[in-house]
């Protein structure tokens, strides 16, 4: 077997933050010694999430077994996901900061599934996956990322599952969203006009809508810089914890910038 060194384009702040979470967890469970030590475990999870390598690929480079790598990765993902932004807290911060709207978007996280698993299949992208929803502020900063639901779930239905219209009304906000959310709530979720041959006022509305929504649409692009989200090779329902862990780390990277 050949081993090689590689660099991660991540900050020391992110590594140290993750290592502190692991050390705090070790103290809480009374674990005085473990392999790898917290700093190396933090590097292991960052390599897994950012590069999307498998357990088998990562374990030899850290001098541990594949089973140990899997346990440490799962453990750290759960620790990181618990730090992810919460929906109500995020909407409350947006309102207190003087915002009047947020940006709503959804994406499909591809997974390894068989063709027979229809609930995971999305006809639009013609692949299996899990549906994630996200809210961003007008500057493109992530407010919240949802849990994962089956890929066959339409974006508007996913938004209803997470009760987004009700919460927007509760916090006095409205959302800008793409055409996939039409019919969700005309007063609270503003979408572009559909169809050809639209009158000029509708075209002007769509241009302004796209301009205002553009920063929020970068949120998933930022999250998918963590290559593990480009295609999951694990239990599809782990997409929730992985996406939330990535959201936590993405926030740390933004703070370091």
Protein backbone atom coordinates (compact mmCIF):
# COMPACT_ATOMS: atom_id res chain seq x y z
CA UNK A 1 0.00 0.00 0.00
CA UNK A 2 1.26 3.48 -0.89
CA UNK A 3 0.75 6.43 1.47
CA UNK A 4 1.08 10.12 0.64
CA UNK A 5 0.63 13.50 2.33
CA UNK A 6 -1.96 16.01 1.19
CA UNK A 7 -3.06 19.53 2.17
CA UNK A 8 -6.54 20.67 3.18
CA UNK A 9 -7.56 24.24 2.25
CA UNK A 10 -9.01 24.84 5.71
CA UNK A 11 -8.06 27.15 8.57
CA UNK A 12 -6.36 26.27 11.84
CA UNK A 13 -9.37 27.82 13.59
CA UNK A 14 -11.63 25.09 12.17
CA UNK A 15 -9.21 22.34 13.23
CA UNK A 16 -8.87 23.75 16.76
CA UNK A 17 -12.63 24.21 17.12
CA UNK A 18 -13.24 20.57 16.18
CA UNK A 19 -10.47 19.33 18.48
CA UNK A 20 -11.96 21.29 21.41
CA UNK A 21 -15.34 19.65 20.85
CA UNK A 22 -13.70 16.22 20.87
CA UNK A 23 -11.69 16.94 24.04
CA UNK A 24 -14.82 18.20 25.82
CA UNK A 25 -16.66 15.04 24.75
CA UNK A 26 -13.82 12.84 26.00
CA UNK A 27 -13.92 14.54 29.40
CA UNK A 28 -17.69 14.16 29.55
CA UNK A 29 -17.56 10.40 28.92
CA UNK A 30 -14.43 9.85 31.04
CA UNK A 31 -12.21 8.77 28.15
CA UNK A 32 -8.63 9.59 29.23
CA UNK A 33 -6.84 7.94 26.32
CA UNK A 34 -7.81 7.14 22.77
CA UNK A 35 -6.42 6.56 19.29
CA UNK A 36 -6.16 8.83 17.46
CA UNK A 37 -5.77 11.71 19.94
CA UNK A 38 -8.29 14.60 19.60
CA UNK A 39 -6.13 16.73 17.28
CA UNK A 40 -5.61 13.84 14.87
CA UNK A 41 -9.28 12.86 15.13
CA UNK A 42 -10.22 16.42 14.18
CA UNK A 43 -7.93 16.20 11.15
CA UNK A 44 -9.49 12.83 10.26
CA UNK A 45 -13.02 14.22 10.17
CA UNK A 46 -11.98 17.29 8.18
CA UNK A 47 -10.29 15.05 5.60
CA UNK A 48 -13.41 12.87 5.42
CA UNK A 49 -15.87 15.74 5.02
CA UNK A 50 -13.81 17.98 2.76
CA UNK A 51 -12.27 15.37 0.48
CA UNK A 52 -15.06 12.78 0.54
CA UNK A 53 -12.64 9.86 1.02
CA UNK A 54 -13.91 6.51 2.28
CA UNK A 55 -13.02 5.04 5.67
CA UNK A 56 -10.80 2.49 3.93
CA UNK A 57 -8.83 5.25 2.21
CA UNK A 58 -8.34 7.33 5.36
CA UNK A 59 -7.63 4.70 8.01
CA UNK A 60 -4.10 3.65 6.89
CA UNK A 61 -2.86 7.23 6.77
CA UNK A 62 -3.90 7.73 10.40
CA UNK A 63 -2.55 4.37 11.56
CA UNK A 64 -5.93 3.02 12.66
CA UNK A 65 -8.32 0.32 11.53
CA UNK A 66 -11.24 0.97 9.22
CA UNK A 67 -13.67 0.22 12.07
CA UNK A 68 -11.96 2.76 14.35
CA UNK A 69 -12.00 5.37 11.60
CA UNK A 70 -15.74 4.83 11.11
CA UNK A 71 -16.46 5.12 14.85
CA UNK A 72 -14.41 8.29 15.26
CA UNK A 73 -15.93 9.90 12.15
CA UNK A 74 -19.50 9.11 13.22
CA UNK A 75 -18.81 10.39 16.72
CA UNK A 76 -17.35 13.70 15.52
CA UNK A 77 -20.11 14.26 12.95
CA UNK A 78 -22.68 13.96 15.75
CA UNK A 79 -20.71 16.45 17.90
CA UNK A 80 -20.47 18.96 15.05
CA UNK A 81 -24.08 18.58 13.92
CA UNK A 82 -25.27 19.43 17.45
CA UNK A 83 -23.60 22.85 17.01
CA UNK A 84 -25.42 23.66 13.76
CA UNK A 85 -27.68 26.75 13.56
CA UNK A 86 -31.22 26.10 14.78
CA UNK A 87 -34.22 27.28 12.75
CA UNK A 88 -36.01 29.44 15.32
CA UNK A 89 -32.77 30.97 16.59
CA UNK A 90 -31.68 31.78 13.04
CA UNK A 91 -34.98 33.47 12.16
CA UNK A 92 -34.87 35.40 15.42
CA UNK A 93 -31.37 36.69 14.65
CA UNK A 94 -32.43 37.67 11.13
CA UNK A 95 -35.38 39.66 12.49
CA UNK A 96 -33.31 41.36 15.19
CA UNK A 97 -30.69 42.37 12.62
CA UNK A 98 -33.36 44.38 10.78
CA UNK A 99 -33.88 41.98 7.88
CA UNK A 100 -37.29 41.80 6.29
CA UNK A 101 -36.70 38.67 4.23
CA UNK A 102 -34.65 35.49 3.92
CA UNK A 103 -33.74 33.33 0.93
CA UNK A 104 -35.11 29.80 0.68
CA UNK A 105 -33.53 27.13 -1.49
CA UNK A 106 -33.35 23.36 -1.78
CA UNK A 107 -30.97 20.82 -3.23
CA UNK A 108 -30.60 17.11 -3.83
CA UNK A 109 -27.76 15.23 -2.13
CA UNK A 110 -26.99 12.27 -4.37
CA UNK A 111 -26.71 8.83 -2.79
CA UNK A 112 -25.80 5.31 -3.80
CA UNK A 113 -29.16 3.59 -4.17
CA UNK A 114 -30.67 0.88 -6.31
CA UNK A 115 -33.16 1.70 -9.04
CA UNK A 116 -35.81 -0.21 -7.08
CA UNK A 117 -35.67 2.30 -4.22
CA UNK A 118 -38.26 4.67 -5.66
CA UNK A 119 -38.73 6.88 -2.57
CA UNK A 120 -35.15 8.13 -3.00
CA UNK A 121 -35.50 8.81 -6.74
CA UNK A 122 -35.90 12.37 -8.02
CA UNK A 123 -37.24 12.57 -11.56
CA UNK A 124 -35.86 16.06 -12.23
CA UNK A 125 -32.20 15.03 -11.79
CA UNK A 126 -32.84 11.36 -12.63
CA UNK A 127 -30.92 10.06 -9.65
CA UNK A 128 -31.40 8.86 -6.08
CA UNK A 129 -30.81 11.22 -3.20
CA UNK A 130 -32.03 13.15 -0.19
CA UNK A 131 -33.71 16.56 -0.22
CA UNK A 132 -32.20 19.36 1.90
CA UNK A 133 -33.68 22.82 2.51
CA UNK A 134 -31.70 25.89 3.58
CA UNK A 135 -32.36 29.47 4.60
CA UNK A 136 -29.85 32.27 4.06
CA UNK A 137 -29.87 35.96 4.88
CA UNK A 138 -29.77 38.57 2.07
CA UNK A 139 -25.96 38.63 2.27
CA UNK A 140 -25.75 34.90 1.58
CA UNK A 141 -24.91 33.78 5.13
CA UNK A 142 -26.41 30.45 6.12
CA UNK A 143 -29.21 30.76 8.69
CA UNK A 144 -30.29 27.14 8.84
CA UNK A 145 -30.02 23.83 7.01
CA UNK A 146 -32.79 21.26 7.36
CA UNK A 147 -32.77 17.59 8.04
CA UNK A 148 -32.84 15.34 4.99
CA UNK A 149 -36.07 13.94 3.55
CA UNK A 150 -36.54 11.48 0.69
CA UNK A 151 -35.31 12.71 -2.68
CA UNK A 152 -38.72 12.23 -4.29
CA UNK A 153 -40.12 14.98 -2.02
CA UNK A 154 -40.89 18.20 -3.88
CA UNK A 155 -39.27 21.37 -2.51
CA UNK A 156 -42.61 22.96 -1.63
CA UNK A 157 -43.67 19.85 0.28
CA UNK A 158 -40.31 19.73 2.08
CA UNK A 159 -40.81 23.37 3.15
CA UNK A 160 -44.22 22.44 4.57
CA UNK A 161 -42.70 19.49 6.43
CA UNK A 162 -40.40 21.93 8.24
CA UNK A 163 -43.35 24.36 8.77
CA UNK A 164 -41.47 27.20 7.13
CA UNK A 165 -44.53 29.29 6.12
CA UNK A 166 -45.86 29.24 9.69
CA UNK A 167 -42.48 30.20 11.16
CA UNK A 168 -41.96 32.99 8.63
CA UNK A 169 -45.31 34.45 9.62
CA UNK A 170 -44.47 34.04 13.32
CA UNK A 171 -41.23 36.04 12.95
CA UNK A 172 -42.66 38.63 10.54
CA UNK A 173 -40.44 37.67 7.61
CA UNK A 174 -40.98 36.63 4.01
CA UNK A 175 -38.82 34.43 1.78
CA UNK A 176 -37.54 34.66 -1.78
CA UNK A 177 -37.54 31.27 -3.51
CA UNK A 178 -37.34 29.73 -6.99
CA UNK A 179 -40.22 28.41 -9.11
CA UNK A 180 -40.20 25.08 -7.28
CA UNK A 181 -41.96 26.77 -4.35
CA UNK A 182 -44.88 28.25 -6.28
CA UNK A 183 -48.17 27.65 -4.48
CA UNK A 184 -46.51 27.34 -1.07
CA UNK A 185 -47.80 30.66 0.30
CA UNK A 186 -48.20 33.68 -1.98
CA UNK A 187 -47.95 36.17 0.90
CA UNK A 188 -44.88 34.67 2.57
CA UNK A 189 -42.89 32.97 -0.20
CA UNK A 190 -42.23 35.15 -3.26
CA UNK A 191 -41.37 33.26 -6.45
CA UNK A 192 -40.70 34.26 -10.08
CA UNK A 193 -43.46 34.38 -12.67
CA UNK A 194 -43.69 31.34 -14.95
CA UNK A 195 -44.46 31.08 -18.64
CA UNK A 196 -43.40 32.59 -21.96
CA UNK A 197 -44.46 35.91 -23.39
CA UNK A 198 -44.74 37.56 -19.99
CA UNK A 199 -45.61 41.27 -19.79
CA UNK A 200 -42.74 43.65 -19.04
CA UNK A 201 -43.68 44.16 -15.39
CA UNK A 202 -43.38 40.40 -14.78
CA UNK A 203 -40.02 40.31 -16.53
CA UNK A 204 -38.84 43.20 -14.36
CA UNK A 205 -40.09 41.34 -11.27
CA UNK A 206 -38.15 38.22 -12.29
CA UNK A 207 -34.93 40.18 -12.90
CA UNK A 208 -35.09 41.86 -9.51
CA UNK A 209 -36.07 38.59 -7.84
CA UNK A 210 -33.07 36.77 -9.35
CA UNK A 211 -30.73 39.58 -8.31
CA UNK A 212 -31.93 39.50 -4.70
CA UNK A 213 -31.96 35.71 -4.51
CA UNK A 214 -28.47 35.17 -5.98
CA UNK A 215 -26.49 35.50 -2.70
CA UNK A 216 -28.63 32.84 -1.02
CA UNK A 217 -28.20 30.40 -3.88
CA UNK A 218 -24.47 30.38 -3.16
CA UNK A 219 -25.16 28.71 0.19
CA UNK A 220 -25.40 25.19 -1.22
CA UNK A 221 -22.40 25.84 -3.44
CA UNK A 222 -20.44 26.65 -0.27
CA UNK A 223 -21.76 23.58 1.53
CA UNK A 224 -20.91 21.33 -1.41
CA UNK A 225 -17.30 22.45 -1.29
CA UNK A 226 -17.28 19.75 1.37
CA UNK A 227 -17.09 16.93 -1.15
CA UNK A 228 -18.78 14.34 1.03
CA UNK A 229 -22.09 16.04 0.08
CA UNK A 230 -21.54 15.61 -3.64
CA UNK A 231 -22.43 11.93 -3.33
CA UNK A 232 -23.05 10.04 -0.11
CA UNK A 233 -21.71 6.52 0.16
CA UNK A 234 -23.27 5.79 3.55
CA UNK A 235 -26.73 5.41 5.05
CA UNK A 236 -28.81 8.08 3.22
CA UNK A 237 -30.40 9.14 6.50
CA UNK A 238 -26.96 10.20 7.78
CA UNK A 239 -27.28 13.12 5.34
CA UNK A 240 -28.95 15.15 8.10
CA UNK A 241 -26.02 14.90 10.51
CA UNK A 242 -23.43 15.34 7.75
CA UNK A 243 -25.10 18.47 6.33
CA UNK A 244 -25.43 20.01 9.80
CA UNK A 245 -21.79 19.18 10.59
CA UNK A 246 -20.73 20.87 7.36
CA UNK A 247 -22.84 23.91 8.22
CA UNK A 248 -21.03 24.20 11.56
CA UNK A 249 -17.60 23.94 9.93
CA UNK A 250 -18.58 26.33 7.15
CA UNK A 251 -19.46 28.92 9.79
CA UNK A 252 -16.03 28.46 11.39
CA UNK A 253 -14.36 28.95 8.02
CA UNK A 254 -16.32 32.16 7.44
CA UNK A 255 -15.29 33.43 10.88
CA UNK A 256 -11.63 32.72 10.13
CA UNK A 257 -11.85 34.64 6.85
